[in-house]
Amino acid sequence: MCFQDALAALERLSSEELERMYYGRLCDQSTPGEMRLPSRPESGPVARRLVLSVLESWELHQHLEVGELLTSELVANALRHAAGRTIGVQVSRKPGWLRIEVRDSSRALPCLILSEPLPISEYGRGLKILDDLADRWGADLLPRGKGVWFELKVRERR
């Protein structure tokens, strides 16, 4: 199957089919998994539900709200600003940290604007929310686009 055929097949999947396809892969902490989602509005709720499911399976209940909110902001930005047909979402964990990254095809890096935009609009506050709630965040240029990520400190159980 060529890349275009695989992409077309991905775009035909329903939200429920996408969630079933990716759930097991993302919950496996031994290998970082990426979900590729079509660049369509329904992918935002799919990404949020999958991230919540992963965090619950990893027993990171204290990060459910923030993880969901920040994932939502990054996915919304990728859907709004990148022109590619898909976005990627990765959830990974290393000692002391949870990392969620959203990848898209644009190489334009996000820019945090510190002044309050006037008039107040529903757009333009995502990176400020990210900056306020994440312990660390950043953006990396990739060979074919960029990845915008955030990390949350995780207190390890003893």
C-alpha atoms as a PDB file:
ATOM      1  CA  MET A   1       0.000   0.000   0.000  1.00  0.00           C
ATOM      2  CA  CYS A   2       1.469   3.351  -0.989  1.00  0.00           C
ATOM      3  CA  PHE A   3       1.562   6.368   1.297  1.00  0.00           C
ATOM      4  CA  GLN A   4      -1.366   8.087  -0.448  1.00  0.00           C
ATOM      5  CA  ASP A   5      -3.537   4.963  -0.106  1.00  0.00           C
ATOM      6  CA  ALA A   6      -2.650   4.645   3.585  1.00  0.00           C
ATOM      7  CA  LEU A   7      -3.473   8.304   4.132  1.00  0.00           C
ATOM      8  CA  ALA A   8      -6.808   7.956   2.354  1.00  0.00           C
ATOM      9  CA  ALA A   9      -7.628   4.875   4.472  1.00  0.00           C
ATOM     10  CA  LEU A  10      -6.779   6.806   7.663  1.00  0.00           C
ATOM     11  CA  GLU A  11      -9.031   9.671   6.611  1.00  0.00           C
ATOM     12  CA  ARG A  12     -11.956   7.261   6.121  1.00  0.00           C
ATOM     13  CA  LEU A  13     -11.796   5.908   9.687  1.00  0.00           C
ATOM     14  CA  SER A  14     -14.377   7.105  12.184  1.00  0.00           C
ATOM     15  CA  SER A  15     -13.372   8.653  15.500  1.00  0.00           C
ATOM     16  CA  GLU A  16     -14.252   5.398  17.286  1.00  0.00           C
ATOM     17  CA  GLU A  17     -12.165   3.334  14.866  1.00  0.00           C
ATOM     18  CA  LEU A  18      -9.180   5.661  15.356  1.00  0.00           C
ATOM     19  CA  GLU A  19      -9.451   5.357  19.143  1.00  0.00           C
ATOM     20  CA  ARG A  20      -9.615   1.546  19.000  1.00  0.00           C
ATOM     21  CA  MET A  21      -6.682   1.402  16.620  1.00  0.00           C
ATOM     22  CA  TYR A  22      -4.362   3.509  18.781  1.00  0.00           C
ATOM     23  CA  TYR A  23      -5.355   2.794  22.382  1.00  0.00           C
ATOM     24  CA  GLY A  24      -3.186  -0.299  23.004  1.00  0.00           C
ATOM     25  CA  ARG A  25      -0.170   1.133  21.226  1.00  0.00           C
ATOM     26  CA  LEU A  26      -0.202   4.345  23.208  1.00  0.00           C
ATOM     27  CA  CYS A  27      -0.636   2.672  26.593  1.00  0.00           C
ATOM     28  CA  ASP A  28       2.519   0.587  26.146  1.00  0.00           C
ATOM     29  CA  GLN A  29       5.184   2.504  28.099  1.00  0.00           C
ATOM     30  CA  SER A  30       8.029   0.399  26.722  1.00  0.00           C
ATOM     31  CA  THR A  31       7.819   1.885  23.224  1.00  0.00           C
ATOM     32  CA  PRO A  32       6.852   5.441  22.365  1.00  0.00           C
ATOM     33  CA  GLY A  33       3.749   5.355  20.233  1.00  0.00           C
ATOM     34  CA  GLU A  34       2.415   7.937  17.859  1.00  0.00           C
ATOM     35  CA  MET A  35      -1.118   8.255  16.651  1.00  0.00           C
ATOM     36  CA  ARG A  36      -1.638   9.799  13.236  1.00  0.00           C
ATOM     37  CA  LEU A  37      -4.937  11.617  13.023  1.00  0.00           C
ATOM     38  CA  PRO A  38      -6.574  13.245  10.017  1.00  0.00           C
ATOM     39  CA  SER A  39      -6.504  17.048  10.031  1.00  0.00           C
ATOM     40  CA  ARG A  40     -10.193  17.478  10.747  1.00  0.00           C
ATOM     41  CA  PRO A  41     -12.105  18.977  13.695  1.00  0.00           C
ATOM     42  CA  GLU A  42     -13.177  15.550  15.044  1.00  0.00           C
ATOM     43  CA  SER A  43      -9.514  14.689  15.693  1.00  0.00           C
ATOM     44  CA  GLY A  44      -9.363  17.078  18.660  1.00  0.00           C
ATOM     45  CA  PRO A  45     -11.807  15.074  20.811  1.00  0.00           C
ATOM     46  CA  VAL A  46     -10.190  11.797  19.672  1.00  0.00           C
ATOM     47  CA  ALA A  47      -6.748  13.019  20.792  1.00  0.00           C
ATOM     48  CA  ARG A  48      -8.127  14.216  24.140  1.00  0.00           C
ATOM     49  CA  ARG A  49      -9.913  10.923  24.847  1.00  0.00           C
ATOM     50  CA  LEU A  50      -6.863   8.879  23.913  1.00  0.00           C
ATOM     51  CA  VAL A  51      -4.546  10.974  26.091  1.00  0.00           C
ATOM     52  CA  LEU A  52      -6.976  10.657  29.003  1.00  0.00           C
ATOM     53  CA  SER A  53      -7.125   6.876  28.495  1.00  0.00           C
ATOM     54  CA  VAL A  54      -3.338   6.620  28.464  1.00  0.00           C
ATOM     55  CA  LEU A  55      -2.934   8.751  31.581  1.00  0.00           C
ATOM     56  CA  GLU A  56      -5.556   6.667  33.387  1.00  0.00           C
ATOM     57  CA  SER A  57      -3.861   3.416  32.363  1.00  0.00           C
ATOM     58  CA  TRP A  58      -0.536   4.796  33.646  1.00  0.00           C
ATOM     59  CA  GLU A  59      -2.280   5.837  36.893  1.00  0.00           C
ATOM     60  CA  LEU A  60      -1.399   9.502  36.386  1.00  0.00           C
ATOM     61  CA  HIS A  61      -4.780  10.705  37.631  1.00  0.00           C
ATOM     62  CA  GLN A  62      -3.327  13.948  38.991  1.00  0.00           C
ATOM     63  CA  HIS A  63      -2.472  14.989  35.402  1.00  0.00           C
ATOM     64  CA  LEU A  64      -5.793  14.199  33.719  1.00  0.00           C
ATOM     65  CA  GLU A  65      -7.202  17.734  33.600  1.00  0.00           C
ATOM     66  CA  VAL A  66      -4.000  19.522  32.645  1.00  0.00           C
ATOM     67  CA  GLY A  67      -2.994  16.802  30.168  1.00  0.00           C
ATOM     68  CA  GLU A  68      -6.368  16.987  28.465  1.00  0.00           C
ATOM     69  CA  LEU A  69      -6.416  20.795  28.324  1.00  0.00           C
ATOM     70  CA  LEU A  70      -2.882  21.183  27.005  1.00  0.00           C
ATOM     71  CA  THR A  71      -3.335  18.387  24.460  1.00  0.00           C
ATOM     72  CA  SER A  72      -6.471  20.137  23.284  1.00  0.00           C
ATOM     73  CA  GLU A  73      -4.587  23.425  22.843  1.00  0.00           C
ATOM     74  CA  LEU A  74      -1.730  21.843  20.882  1.00  0.00           C
ATOM     75  CA  VAL A  75      -4.041  19.822  18.647  1.00  0.00           C
ATOM     76  CA  ALA A  76      -6.241  22.860  17.980  1.00  0.00           C
ATOM     77  CA  ASN A  77      -3.163  24.896  16.995  1.00  0.00           C
ATOM     78  CA  ALA A  78      -1.948  22.138  14.671  1.00  0.00           C
ATOM     79  CA  LEU A  79      -5.358  21.810  13.041  1.00  0.00           C
ATOM     80  CA  ARG A  80      -5.749  25.580  12.696  1.00  0.00           C
ATOM     81  CA  HIS A  81      -2.267  26.535  11.498  1.00  0.00           C
ATOM     82  CA  ALA A  82      -0.758  23.559   9.641  1.00  0.00           C
ATOM     83  CA  ALA A  83      -1.876  22.655   6.159  1.00  0.00           C
ATOM     84  CA  GLY A  84      -0.997  18.948   6.213  1.00  0.00           C
ATOM     85  CA  ARG A  85      -3.480  16.113   5.910  1.00  0.00           C
ATOM     86  CA  THR A  86      -2.531  14.576   9.260  1.00  0.00           C
ATOM     87  CA  ILE A  87      -1.191  15.451  12.675  1.00  0.00           C
ATOM     88  CA  GLY A  88       0.679  13.174  15.049  1.00  0.00           C
ATOM     89  CA  VAL A  89       0.281  12.858  18.810  1.00  0.00           C
ATOM     90  CA  GLN A  90       2.865  11.141  20.992  1.00  0.00           C
ATOM     91  CA  VAL A  91       2.572  10.321  24.686  1.00  0.00           C
ATOM     92  CA  SER A  92       5.694   9.149  26.490  1.00  0.00           C
ATOM     93  CA  ARG A  93       7.022   8.823  29.978  1.00  0.00           C
ATOM     94  CA  LYS A  94      10.498   8.863  31.416  1.00  0.00           C
ATOM     95  CA  PRO A  95      11.486   8.864  35.089  1.00  0.00           C
ATOM     96  CA  GLY A  96       9.925  11.919  36.686  1.00  0.00           C
ATOM     97  CA  TRP A  97       8.290  13.274  33.519  1.00  0.00           C
ATOM     98  CA  LEU A  98       5.257  12.886  31.274  1.00  0.00           C
ATOM     99  CA  ARG A  99       5.645  14.248  27.745  1.00  0.00           C
ATOM    100  CA  ILE A 100       2.953  14.891  25.155  1.00  0.00           C
ATOM    101  CA  GLU A 101       3.922  16.087  21.702  1.00  0.00           C
ATOM    102  CA  VAL A 102       1.818  17.145  18.724  1.00  0.00           C
ATOM    103  CA  ARG A 103       3.459  17.032  15.310  1.00  0.00           C
ATOM    104  CA  ASP A 104       2.342  18.712  12.121  1.00  0.00           C
ATOM    105  CA  SER A 105       3.702  19.408   8.650  1.00  0.00           C
ATOM    106  CA  SER A 106       4.371  23.124   9.134  1.00  0.00           C
ATOM    107  CA  ARG A 107       7.900  24.265   9.921  1.00  0.00           C
ATOM    108  CA  ALA A 108       6.657  27.570  11.361  1.00  0.00           C
ATOM    109  CA  LEU A 109       7.502  27.534  15.058  1.00  0.00           C
ATOM    110  CA  PRO A 110       4.952  28.806  17.568  1.00  0.00           C
ATOM    111  CA  CYS A 111       5.533  32.182  19.174  1.00  0.00           C
ATOM    112  CA  LEU A 112       4.322  33.052  22.672  1.00  0.00           C
ATOM    113  CA  ILE A 113       2.901  36.568  22.743  1.00  0.00           C
ATOM    114  CA  LEU A 114       3.063  37.875  26.295  1.00  0.00           C
ATOM    115  CA  SER A 115       0.758  40.879  25.993  1.00  0.00           C
ATOM    116  CA  GLU A 116      -2.990  40.325  26.209  1.00  0.00           C
ATOM    117  CA  PRO A 117      -4.470  40.567  22.697  1.00  0.00           C
ATOM    118  CA  LEU A 118      -7.105  43.275  22.399  1.00  0.00           C
ATOM    119  CA  PRO A 119      -9.945  42.845  21.959  1.00  0.00           C
ATOM    120  CA  ILE A 120     -10.105  39.562  23.857  1.00  0.00           C
ATOM    121  CA  SER A 121     -10.795  36.808  21.358  1.00  0.00           C
ATOM    122  CA  GLU A 122     -11.190  33.067  21.555  1.00  0.00           C
ATOM    123  CA  TYR A 123      -7.890  32.619  19.691  1.00  0.00           C
ATOM    124  CA  GLY A 124      -4.346  33.418  20.673  1.00  0.00           C
ATOM    125  CA  ARG A 125      -4.261  32.224  24.276  1.00  0.00           C
ATOM    126  CA  GLY A 126      -3.245  28.583  23.792  1.00  0.00           C
ATOM    127  CA  LEU A 127       0.488  29.083  24.214  1.00  0.00           C
ATOM    128  CA  LYS A 128      -0.064  31.301  27.258  1.00  0.00           C
ATOM    129  CA  ILE A 129      -2.118  28.510  28.849  1.00  0.00           C
ATOM    130  CA  LEU A 130       0.622  26.062  27.894  1.00  0.00           C
ATOM    131  CA  ASP A 131       3.277  28.318  29.424  1.00  0.00           C
ATOM    132  CA  ASP A 132       1.270  28.739  32.630  1.00  0.00           C
ATOM    133  CA  LEU A 133       0.382  25.080  33.221  1.00  0.00           C
ATOM    134  CA  ALA A 134       3.219  22.966  31.804  1.00  0.00           C
ATOM    135  CA  ASP A 135       6.405  22.428  33.765  1.00  0.00           C
ATOM    136  CA  ARG A 136       8.355  22.639  30.496  1.00  0.00           C
ATOM    137  CA  TRP A 137       7.376  23.090  26.873  1.00  0.00           C
ATOM    138  CA  GLY A 138       8.996  23.744  23.536  1.00  0.00           C
ATOM    139  CA  ALA A 139       9.014  23.136  19.811  1.00  0.00           C
ATOM    140  CA  ASP A 140      11.430  21.183  17.645  1.00  0.00           C
ATOM    141  CA  LEU A 141      11.933  21.346  13.918  1.00  0.00           C
ATOM    142  CA  LEU A 142      11.633  17.911  12.354  1.00  0.00           C
ATOM    143  CA  PRO A 143      12.675  16.744   8.874  1.00  0.00           C
ATOM    144  CA  ARG A 144       9.064  17.219   7.723  1.00  0.00           C
ATOM    145  CA  GLY A 145       7.460  19.770  10.001  1.00  0.00           C
ATOM    146  CA  LYS A 146       7.636  20.414  13.704  1.00  0.00           C
ATOM    147  CA  GLY A 147       6.723  18.960  17.060  1.00  0.00           C
ATOM    148  CA  VAL A 148       5.315  21.104  19.848  1.00  0.00           C
ATOM    149  CA  TRP A 149       5.507  19.417  23.242  1.00  0.00           C
ATOM    150  CA  PHE A 150       4.910  19.883  26.916  1.00  0.00           C
ATOM    151  CA  GLU A 151       6.133  18.023  29.943  1.00  0.00           C
ATOM    152  CA  LEU A 152       4.620  17.594  33.377  1.00  0.00           C
ATOM    153  CA  LYS A 153       6.533  16.487  36.453  1.00  0.00           C
ATOM    154  CA  VAL A 154       5.495  13.065  37.687  1.00  0.00           C
ATOM    155  CA  ARG A 155       6.048  11.977  41.224  1.00  0.00           C
ATOM    156  CA  GLU A 156       7.181   8.370  41.040  1.00  0.00           C
ATOM    157  CA  ARG A 157       5.637   5.844  43.402  1.00  0.00           C
ATOM    158  CA  ARG A 158       7.920   4.050  45.807  1.00  0.00           C
END
